[in-house]
């Protein structure tokens, strides 16, 4: 059935080309942002955390790392440690 809507697999692979050699993983950004809201309990607290330089990220902000897959993975790792109480 063709509906003109992206299929689930297409949405899971969503990327936006920002130039010829760089893409942004929108699903990764949305996923890590949603996880931060879940971990911190409110959108406001999550945004504050995303804007705060962290020693575990070499004094960079999580927000500044959202432009790479490695950065998104690093943020996810930090959120996992916070959830586990290993902060």
N, C-alpha and C. Protein backbone atom coordinates (compact mmCIF):
# COMPACT_ATOMS: atom_id res chain seq x y z
N UNK A 1 0.84 -1.17 0.00
CA UNK A 1 0.00 0.00 0.00
C UNK A 1 0.89 1.24 0.00
N UNK A 2 0.67 2.13 -0.92
CA UNK A 2 1.45 3.36 -1.02
C UNK A 2 0.59 4.51 -0.51
N UNK A 3 1.04 5.16 0.54
CA UNK A 3 0.26 6.25 1.13
C UNK A 3 0.98 7.58 1.05
N UNK A 4 2.22 7.56 0.62
CA UNK A 4 3.00 8.78 0.61
C UNK A 4 3.65 9.07 1.95
N UNK A 5 3.36 8.27 2.96
CA UNK A 5 3.95 8.43 4.28
C UNK A 5 5.19 7.56 4.40
N UNK A 6 6.23 8.02 5.09
CA UNK A 6 7.43 7.19 5.26
C UNK A 6 7.10 5.95 6.09
N UNK A 7 7.69 4.85 5.73
CA UNK A 7 7.52 3.61 6.47
C UNK A 7 8.37 3.67 7.74
N UNK A 8 8.07 2.78 8.69
CA UNK A 8 8.78 2.74 9.97
C UNK A 8 10.29 2.65 9.77
N UNK A 9 10.75 1.78 8.86
CA UNK A 9 12.19 1.62 8.62
C UNK A 9 12.80 2.91 8.09
N UNK A 10 12.04 3.63 7.27
CA UNK A 10 12.54 4.90 6.73
C UNK A 10 12.73 5.91 7.85
N UNK A 11 11.77 5.97 8.77
CA UNK A 11 11.88 6.92 9.88
C UNK A 11 13.04 6.56 10.78
N UNK A 12 13.31 5.28 10.96
CA UNK A 12 14.41 4.86 11.81
C UNK A 12 15.76 5.26 11.24
N UNK A 13 15.83 5.49 9.95
CA UNK A 13 17.08 5.85 9.30
C UNK A 13 17.11 7.32 8.89
N UNK A 14 16.26 8.15 9.49
CA UNK A 14 16.16 9.55 9.08
C UNK A 14 17.46 10.29 9.31
N UNK A 15 17.94 10.91 8.28
CA UNK A 15 19.13 11.75 8.33
C UNK A 15 18.87 12.98 7.47
N UNK A 16 19.45 14.06 7.83
CA UNK A 16 19.35 15.27 7.04
C UNK A 16 20.75 15.63 6.57
N UNK A 17 20.90 15.77 5.27
CA UNK A 17 22.21 16.15 4.74
C UNK A 17 22.41 17.64 4.97
N UNK A 18 23.52 17.98 5.65
CA UNK A 18 23.83 19.38 5.89
C UNK A 18 24.90 19.87 4.92
N UNK A 19 25.67 18.97 4.37
CA UNK A 19 26.58 19.26 3.28
C UNK A 19 26.97 17.92 2.68
N UNK A 20 27.89 17.88 1.77
CA UNK A 20 28.21 16.64 1.09
C UNK A 20 28.80 15.57 2.00
N UNK A 21 29.48 15.95 3.07
CA UNK A 21 30.18 14.96 3.89
C UNK A 21 29.64 14.83 5.31
N UNK A 22 28.57 15.54 5.64
CA UNK A 22 28.10 15.55 7.02
C UNK A 22 26.59 15.35 7.05
N UNK A 23 26.11 14.44 7.88
CA UNK A 23 24.68 14.27 8.09
C UNK A 23 24.39 14.37 9.58
N UNK A 24 23.17 14.70 9.89
CA UNK A 24 22.73 14.79 11.27
C UNK A 24 21.72 13.66 11.49
N UNK A 25 21.91 12.88 12.53
CA UNK A 25 21.03 11.77 12.87
C UNK A 25 19.87 12.31 13.70
N UNK A 26 18.76 12.65 13.02
CA UNK A 26 17.63 13.24 13.72
C UNK A 26 17.03 12.28 14.74
N UNK A 27 16.94 11.00 14.39
CA UNK A 27 16.39 10.03 15.34
C UNK A 27 17.25 9.95 16.59
N UNK A 28 18.56 10.02 16.42
CA UNK A 28 19.46 9.99 17.58
C UNK A 28 19.27 11.20 18.46
N UNK A 29 19.11 12.36 17.85
CA UNK A 29 18.90 13.59 18.61
C UNK A 29 17.60 13.52 19.38
N UNK A 30 16.54 13.10 18.71
CA UNK A 30 15.23 13.00 19.37
C UNK A 30 15.28 11.97 20.49
N UNK A 31 15.92 10.84 20.21
CA UNK A 31 15.99 9.76 21.20
C UNK A 31 16.74 10.18 22.45
N UNK A 32 17.92 10.79 22.28
CA UNK A 32 18.71 11.17 23.45
C UNK A 32 18.04 12.32 24.21
N UNK A 33 17.36 13.21 23.50
CA UNK A 33 16.65 14.29 24.17
C UNK A 33 15.47 13.74 24.98
N UNK A 34 14.73 12.81 24.39
CA UNK A 34 13.62 12.18 25.11
C UNK A 34 14.13 11.42 26.34
N UNK A 35 15.26 10.75 26.18
CA UNK A 35 15.83 10.01 27.31
C UNK A 35 16.26 10.97 28.43
N UNK A 36 16.83 12.12 28.06
CA UNK A 36 17.23 13.11 29.07
C UNK A 36 16.00 13.60 29.83
N UNK A 37 14.90 13.82 29.12
CA UNK A 37 13.67 14.25 29.80
C UNK A 37 13.19 13.17 30.75
N UNK A 38 13.28 11.93 30.31
CA UNK A 38 12.88 10.81 31.17
C UNK A 38 13.77 10.71 32.42
N UNK A 39 15.07 10.84 32.22
CA UNK A 39 16.02 10.72 33.34
C UNK A 39 15.85 11.86 34.33
N UNK A 40 15.68 13.09 33.83
CA UNK A 40 15.62 14.24 34.73
C UNK A 40 14.21 14.62 35.15
N UNK A 41 13.21 14.02 34.53
CA UNK A 41 11.84 14.21 34.99
C UNK A 41 11.06 15.34 34.37
N UNK A 42 11.74 16.38 33.88
CA UNK A 42 11.04 17.48 33.21
C UNK A 42 11.87 17.95 32.01
N UNK A 43 11.17 18.56 31.08
CA UNK A 43 11.83 19.11 29.90
C UNK A 43 12.83 20.20 30.31
N UNK A 44 12.44 21.03 31.26
CA UNK A 44 13.29 22.13 31.68
C UNK A 44 14.60 21.64 32.30
N UNK A 45 14.50 20.62 33.16
CA UNK A 45 15.72 20.07 33.77
C UNK A 45 16.61 19.41 32.72
N UNK A 46 15.98 18.73 31.77
CA UNK A 46 16.76 18.08 30.70
C UNK A 46 17.48 19.12 29.86
N UNK A 47 16.80 20.20 29.52
CA UNK A 47 17.43 21.26 28.72
C UNK A 47 18.57 21.90 29.49
N UNK A 48 18.37 22.14 30.77
CA UNK A 48 19.45 22.70 31.60
C UNK A 48 20.67 21.77 31.58
N UNK A 49 20.42 20.46 31.72
CA UNK A 49 21.52 19.49 31.70
C UNK A 49 22.20 19.47 30.34
N UNK A 50 21.42 19.51 29.27
CA UNK A 50 22.00 19.50 27.92
C UNK A 50 22.90 20.71 27.67
N UNK A 51 22.65 21.80 28.37
CA UNK A 51 23.43 23.04 28.20
C UNK A 51 24.59 23.17 29.18
N UNK A 52 24.76 22.19 30.06
CA UNK A 52 25.78 22.27 31.11
C UNK A 52 27.05 21.52 30.70
N UNK A 53 28.21 22.18 30.73
CA UNK A 53 29.47 21.46 30.45
C UNK A 53 29.68 20.35 31.49
N UNK A 54 30.07 19.18 31.02
CA UNK A 54 30.24 18.03 31.91
C UNK A 54 31.67 17.52 31.87
N UNK A 55 32.26 17.28 33.03
CA UNK A 55 33.62 16.71 33.05
C UNK A 55 33.70 15.38 32.30
N UNK A 56 32.64 14.57 32.39
CA UNK A 56 32.65 13.27 31.71
C UNK A 56 32.60 13.39 30.19
N UNK A 57 32.32 14.59 29.69
CA UNK A 57 32.34 14.86 28.24
C UNK A 57 33.45 15.86 27.91
N UNK A 58 34.53 15.79 28.65
CA UNK A 58 35.68 16.70 28.45
C UNK A 58 35.27 18.16 28.54
N UNK A 59 34.41 18.45 29.51
CA UNK A 59 33.92 19.81 29.76
C UNK A 59 33.16 20.40 28.58
N UNK A 60 32.61 19.55 27.75
CA UNK A 60 31.73 20.01 26.67
C UNK A 60 30.28 19.83 27.12
N UNK A 61 29.38 20.54 26.49
CA UNK A 61 27.96 20.37 26.80
C UNK A 61 27.42 19.20 25.98
N UNK A 62 26.45 18.46 26.52
CA UNK A 62 25.83 17.43 25.72
C UNK A 62 25.24 18.01 24.43
N UNK A 63 24.67 19.20 24.51
CA UNK A 63 24.09 19.84 23.33
C UNK A 63 25.11 19.99 22.21
N UNK A 64 26.36 20.29 22.56
CA UNK A 64 27.38 20.51 21.54
C UNK A 64 27.80 19.21 20.85
N UNK A 65 27.43 18.07 21.42
CA UNK A 65 27.82 16.78 20.86
C UNK A 65 26.72 16.11 20.04
N UNK A 66 25.57 16.74 19.96
CA UNK A 66 24.44 16.14 19.25
C UNK A 66 24.61 16.08 17.73
N UNK A 67 25.67 16.65 17.22
CA UNK A 67 25.84 16.69 15.76
C UNK A 67 26.62 15.50 15.21
N UNK A 68 27.02 14.56 16.06
CA UNK A 68 27.71 13.37 15.58
C UNK A 68 27.14 12.12 16.24
N UNK A 69 27.25 11.01 15.54
CA UNK A 69 26.80 9.73 16.09
C UNK A 69 27.59 9.39 17.34
N UNK A 70 28.90 9.60 17.31
CA UNK A 70 29.73 9.32 18.49
C UNK A 70 29.31 10.19 19.68
N UNK A 71 29.00 11.44 19.40
CA UNK A 71 28.55 12.34 20.47
C UNK A 71 27.24 11.88 21.08
N UNK A 72 26.31 11.47 20.22
CA UNK A 72 25.02 10.98 20.70
C UNK A 72 25.22 9.73 21.56
N UNK A 73 26.12 8.85 21.13
CA UNK A 73 26.41 7.65 21.92
C UNK A 73 27.03 8.02 23.27
N UNK A 74 27.93 9.00 23.27
CA UNK A 74 28.55 9.44 24.53
C UNK A 74 27.51 10.00 25.49
N UNK A 75 26.60 10.79 24.97
CA UNK A 75 25.54 11.36 25.80
C UNK A 75 24.67 10.24 26.36
N UNK A 76 24.35 9.27 25.52
CA UNK A 76 23.57 8.12 25.99
C UNK A 76 24.28 7.36 27.08
N UNK A 77 25.59 7.21 26.96
CA UNK A 77 26.38 6.54 28.01
C UNK A 77 26.30 7.30 29.33
N UNK A 78 26.44 8.62 29.25
CA UNK A 78 26.37 9.44 30.47
C UNK A 78 24.98 9.32 31.10
N UNK A 79 23.94 9.39 30.28
CA UNK A 79 22.59 9.25 30.82
C UNK A 79 22.39 7.89 31.47
N UNK A 80 22.97 6.86 30.89
CA UNK A 80 22.90 5.52 31.48
C UNK A 80 23.57 5.47 32.84
N UNK A 81 24.73 6.13 32.96
CA UNK A 81 25.43 6.16 34.24
C UNK A 81 24.61 6.93 35.28
N UNK A 82 23.97 8.00 34.85
CA UNK A 82 23.12 8.77 35.78
C UNK A 82 21.96 7.89 36.25
N UNK A 83 21.34 7.18 35.34
CA UNK A 83 20.22 6.29 35.70
C UNK A 83 20.66 5.21 36.70
N UNK A 84 21.89 4.74 36.54
CA UNK A 84 22.41 3.68 37.41
C UNK A 84 23.02 4.23 38.71
N UNK A 85 23.09 5.54 38.82
CA UNK A 85 23.66 6.14 40.03
C UNK A 85 25.18 6.14 40.04
N UNK A 86 25.79 5.95 38.86
CA UNK A 86 27.25 5.94 38.74
C UNK A 86 27.66 7.27 38.12
N UNK A 87 27.56 8.33 38.87
CA UNK A 87 27.80 9.65 38.31
C UNK A 87 28.99 10.27 38.94
